[in-house]
Amino acid sequence: MPPPSHVRGEEAKPPTHWPLSIVVFLLFWLLFGAIAMYYSSQVTTRWRSGDVAGAQQASKSALIVNLIGIGVGLLFWILVIAAG
């Protein structure tokens, strides 16, 4: 019997970061949120195809893009409020 879809050998499926990607898309910066959602979708796609390293890289990329989006978005909103 094959292992469950969320476990490959000894490794667990990396997080997709979907909720954070959606928050970044809606509240901080659309472009970064959209890019992060793309990488988030790639985690499951790559995991199901057996590409564990690719799934881990997509998860890491999604997180990095989300964090950059939050930083840029916060900076933007601070500047808007300060200029207001």
N, C-alpha and C. Protein backbone atom coordinates (compact mmCIF):
# COMPACT_ATOMS: atom_id res chain seq x y z
N MET A 1 0.85 -1.19 0.00
CA MET A 1 0.00 0.00 0.00
C MET A 1 0.90 1.25 0.00
N PRO A 2 0.65 2.21 -0.92
CA PRO A 2 1.50 3.41 -0.98
C PRO A 2 1.26 4.31 0.24
N PRO A 3 2.27 5.11 0.59
CA PRO A 3 2.10 6.01 1.73
C PRO A 3 1.05 7.07 1.42
N PRO A 4 0.46 7.67 2.46
CA PRO A 4 -0.51 8.75 2.23
C PRO A 4 0.09 9.86 1.39
N SER A 5 -0.75 10.61 0.72
CA SER A 5 -0.27 11.63 -0.22
C SER A 5 0.50 12.76 0.47
N HIS A 6 0.33 12.92 1.79
CA HIS A 6 1.04 13.99 2.47
C HIS A 6 2.39 13.54 3.03
N VAL A 7 2.77 12.27 2.81
CA VAL A 7 4.05 11.77 3.31
C VAL A 7 4.76 11.01 2.19
N ARG A 8 6.01 11.33 1.95
CA ARG A 8 6.85 10.62 0.97
C ARG A 8 8.06 10.10 1.74
N GLY A 9 8.12 8.81 1.92
CA GLY A 9 9.24 8.25 2.68
C GLY A 9 9.21 8.78 4.10
N GLU A 10 10.25 9.46 4.48
CA GLU A 10 10.35 10.04 5.83
C GLU A 10 9.98 11.52 5.85
N GLU A 11 9.73 12.09 4.68
CA GLU A 11 9.50 13.53 4.61
C GLU A 11 8.01 13.85 4.53
N ALA A 12 7.61 14.91 5.21
CA ALA A 12 6.23 15.38 5.15
C ALA A 12 6.13 16.42 4.04
N LYS A 13 4.95 16.57 3.50
CA LYS A 13 4.72 17.56 2.45
C LYS A 13 5.02 18.95 3.00
N PRO A 14 5.78 19.75 2.27
CA PRO A 14 6.08 21.11 2.74
C PRO A 14 4.81 21.97 2.75
N PRO A 15 4.79 22.99 3.60
CA PRO A 15 3.60 23.85 3.65
C PRO A 15 3.43 24.63 2.35
N THR A 16 2.17 24.84 1.97
CA THR A 16 1.90 25.57 0.74
C THR A 16 1.88 27.08 0.94
N HIS A 17 1.61 27.54 2.14
CA HIS A 17 1.53 28.97 2.48
C HIS A 17 0.37 29.66 1.77
N TRP A 18 -0.68 28.90 1.43
CA TRP A 18 -1.84 29.49 0.76
C TRP A 18 -2.49 30.62 1.55
N PRO A 19 -2.81 30.42 2.85
CA PRO A 19 -3.48 31.52 3.57
C PRO A 19 -2.66 32.81 3.57
N LEU A 20 -1.36 32.69 3.79
CA LEU A 20 -0.51 33.88 3.79
C LEU A 20 -0.48 34.52 2.41
N SER A 21 -0.44 33.71 1.37
CA SER A 21 -0.42 34.24 0.00
C SER A 21 -1.70 35.03 -0.30
N ILE A 22 -2.82 34.53 0.17
CA ILE A 22 -4.09 35.23 -0.06
C ILE A 22 -4.13 36.54 0.72
N VAL A 23 -3.65 36.52 1.95
CA VAL A 23 -3.60 37.75 2.75
C VAL A 23 -2.70 38.79 2.09
N VAL A 24 -1.55 38.37 1.63
CA VAL A 24 -0.64 39.30 0.94
C VAL A 24 -1.31 39.85 -0.31
N PHE A 25 -1.98 38.99 -1.06
CA PHE A 25 -2.66 39.42 -2.28
C PHE A 25 -3.74 40.46 -1.98
N LEU A 26 -4.52 40.23 -0.96
CA LEU A 26 -5.66 41.11 -0.66
C LEU A 26 -5.29 42.37 0.12
N LEU A 27 -4.32 42.27 1.02
CA LEU A 27 -4.07 43.39 1.93
C LEU A 27 -2.78 44.17 1.68
N PHE A 28 -1.78 43.53 1.08
CA PHE A 28 -0.49 44.19 0.99
C PHE A 28 -0.11 44.58 -0.43
N TRP A 29 0.10 43.62 -1.29
CA TRP A 29 0.59 43.95 -2.62
C TRP A 29 0.13 42.87 -3.59
N LEU A 30 -0.69 43.25 -4.57
CA LEU A 30 -1.29 42.27 -5.48
C LEU A 30 -0.26 41.44 -6.24
N LEU A 31 0.76 42.09 -6.77
CA LEU A 31 1.75 41.38 -7.58
C LEU A 31 2.47 40.29 -6.78
N PHE A 32 2.96 40.65 -5.60
CA PHE A 32 3.66 39.67 -4.78
C PHE A 32 2.73 38.56 -4.34
N GLY A 33 1.49 38.90 -4.01
CA GLY A 33 0.51 37.90 -3.62
C GLY A 33 0.23 36.93 -4.75
N ALA A 34 0.11 37.44 -5.97
CA ALA A 34 -0.15 36.57 -7.12
C ALA A 34 1.03 35.64 -7.39
N ILE A 35 2.23 36.16 -7.30
CA ILE A 35 3.42 35.32 -7.49
C ILE A 35 3.50 34.26 -6.40
N ALA A 36 3.23 34.65 -5.17
CA ALA A 36 3.26 33.69 -4.06
C ALA A 36 2.18 32.62 -4.24
N MET A 37 0.99 32.99 -4.74
CA MET A 37 -0.05 32.00 -4.98
C MET A 37 0.38 31.01 -6.05
N TYR A 38 1.10 31.48 -7.05
CA TYR A 38 1.61 30.58 -8.07
C TYR A 38 2.55 29.54 -7.44
N TYR A 39 3.50 30.02 -6.65
CA TYR A 39 4.43 29.08 -6.00
C TYR A 39 3.69 28.16 -5.03
N SER A 40 2.70 28.68 -4.33
CA SER A 40 1.91 27.86 -3.42
C SER A 40 1.23 26.72 -4.16
N SER A 41 0.71 27.01 -5.34
CA SER A 41 0.04 25.96 -6.12
C SER A 41 1.04 24.93 -6.63
N GLN A 42 2.28 25.35 -6.86
CA GLN A 42 3.30 24.44 -7.35
C GLN A 42 3.73 23.41 -6.30
N VAL A 43 3.57 23.73 -5.02
CA VAL A 43 3.97 22.80 -3.96
C VAL A 43 3.21 21.48 -4.11
N THR A 44 1.89 21.55 -4.17
CA THR A 44 1.08 20.34 -4.27
C THR A 44 1.30 19.64 -5.61
N THR A 45 1.38 20.40 -6.69
CA THR A 45 1.59 19.81 -8.01
C THR A 45 2.89 19.03 -8.06
N ARG A 46 3.95 19.63 -7.57
CA ARG A 46 5.26 18.96 -7.60
C ARG A 46 5.30 17.78 -6.63
N TRP A 47 4.65 17.93 -5.47
CA TRP A 47 4.63 16.85 -4.49
C TRP A 47 3.94 15.62 -5.06
N ARG A 48 2.80 15.84 -5.71
CA ARG A 48 2.05 14.72 -6.28
C ARG A 48 2.81 14.02 -7.41
N SER A 49 3.65 14.77 -8.12
CA SER A 49 4.41 14.16 -9.20
C SER A 49 5.68 13.48 -8.69
N GLY A 50 5.94 13.57 -7.39
CA GLY A 50 7.10 12.91 -6.80
C GLY A 50 8.33 13.78 -6.72
N ASP A 51 8.22 15.04 -7.09
CA ASP A 51 9.35 15.97 -7.07
C ASP A 51 9.43 16.63 -5.69
N VAL A 52 10.02 15.91 -4.74
CA VAL A 52 10.09 16.40 -3.36
C VAL A 52 10.93 17.67 -3.27
N ALA A 53 12.09 17.68 -3.91
CA ALA A 53 12.97 18.85 -3.88
C ALA A 53 12.27 20.07 -4.51
N GLY A 54 11.56 19.84 -5.60
CA GLY A 54 10.83 20.93 -6.25
C GLY A 54 9.72 21.48 -5.37
N ALA A 55 9.04 20.58 -4.66
CA ALA A 55 7.97 21.01 -3.75
C ALA A 55 8.55 21.83 -2.60
N GLN A 56 9.68 21.40 -2.08
CA GLN A 56 10.33 22.15 -1.00
C GLN A 56 10.79 23.52 -1.48
N GLN A 57 11.33 23.58 -2.69
CA GLN A 57 11.78 24.87 -3.24
C GLN A 57 10.60 25.79 -3.51
N ALA A 58 9.51 25.25 -4.02
CA ALA A 58 8.32 26.07 -4.27
C ALA A 58 7.76 26.61 -2.96
N SER A 59 7.77 25.80 -1.91
CA SER A 59 7.30 26.25 -0.61
C SER A 59 8.17 27.38 -0.07
N LYS A 60 9.47 27.20 -0.19
CA LYS A 60 10.41 28.23 0.26
C LYS A 60 10.24 29.52 -0.55
N SER A 61 10.07 29.38 -1.85
CA SER A 61 9.88 30.56 -2.71
C SER A 61 8.59 31.29 -2.36
N ALA A 62 7.52 30.54 -2.09
CA ALA A 62 6.24 31.15 -1.71
C ALA A 62 6.40 31.95 -0.43
N LEU A 63 7.09 31.39 0.54
CA LEU A 63 7.29 32.09 1.81
C LEU A 63 8.13 33.35 1.62
N ILE A 64 9.20 33.26 0.85
CA ILE A 64 10.06 34.42 0.63
C ILE A 64 9.30 35.54 -0.09
N VAL A 65 8.56 35.18 -1.13
CA VAL A 65 7.80 36.20 -1.88
C VAL A 65 6.73 36.81 -0.97
N ASN A 66 6.09 36.01 -0.13
CA ASN A 66 5.11 36.54 0.81
C ASN A 66 5.74 37.53 1.77
N LEU A 67 6.89 37.20 2.32
CA LEU A 67 7.55 38.10 3.26
C LEU A 67 7.99 39.40 2.58
N ILE A 68 8.48 39.30 1.37
CA ILE A 68 8.83 40.52 0.62
C ILE A 68 7.58 41.35 0.36
N GLY A 69 6.50 40.70 -0.02
CA GLY A 69 5.24 41.41 -0.26
C GLY A 69 4.73 42.12 0.98
N ILE A 70 4.85 41.47 2.13
CA ILE A 70 4.43 42.11 3.39
C ILE A 70 5.31 43.32 3.66
N GLY A 71 6.62 43.18 3.49
CA GLY A 71 7.53 44.29 3.74
C GLY A 71 7.27 45.47 2.82
N VAL A 72 7.13 45.20 1.53
CA VAL A 72 6.87 46.27 0.56
C VAL A 72 5.50 46.88 0.82
N GLY A 73 4.52 46.05 1.10
CA GLY A 73 3.17 46.55 1.36
C GLY A 73 3.10 47.42 2.60
N LEU A 74 3.76 46.99 3.67
CA LEU A 74 3.77 47.82 4.89
C LEU A 74 4.46 49.15 4.65
N LEU A 75 5.58 49.10 3.95
CA LEU A 75 6.29 50.33 3.63
C LEU A 75 5.40 51.27 2.80
N PHE A 76 4.71 50.71 1.82
CA PHE A 76 3.80 51.51 1.00
C PHE A 76 2.71 52.16 1.84
N TRP A 77 2.05 51.35 2.69
CA TRP A 77 0.96 51.89 3.51
C TRP A 77 1.47 52.93 4.52
N ILE A 78 2.64 52.73 5.06
CA ILE A 78 3.21 53.72 5.98
C ILE A 78 3.46 55.03 5.25
N LEU A 79 3.99 54.95 4.01
CA LEU A 79 4.23 56.17 3.24
C LEU A 79 2.94 56.86 2.86
N VAL A 80 1.91 56.09 2.53
CA VAL A 80 0.62 56.67 2.18
C VAL A 80 0.01 57.39 3.37
N ILE A 81 0.07 56.75 4.53
CA ILE A 81 -0.50 57.36 5.74
C ILE A 81 0.31 58.59 6.14
N ALA A 82 1.64 58.51 6.05
CA ALA A 82 2.48 59.66 6.41
C ALA A 82 2.26 60.84 5.47
N ALA A 83 2.00 60.56 4.19
CA ALA A 83 1.81 61.64 3.22
C ALA A 83 0.40 62.22 3.31
N GLY A 84 -0.52 61.46 3.90
CA GLY A 84 -1.93 61.77 3.94
C GLY A 84 -2.30 63.03 4.53
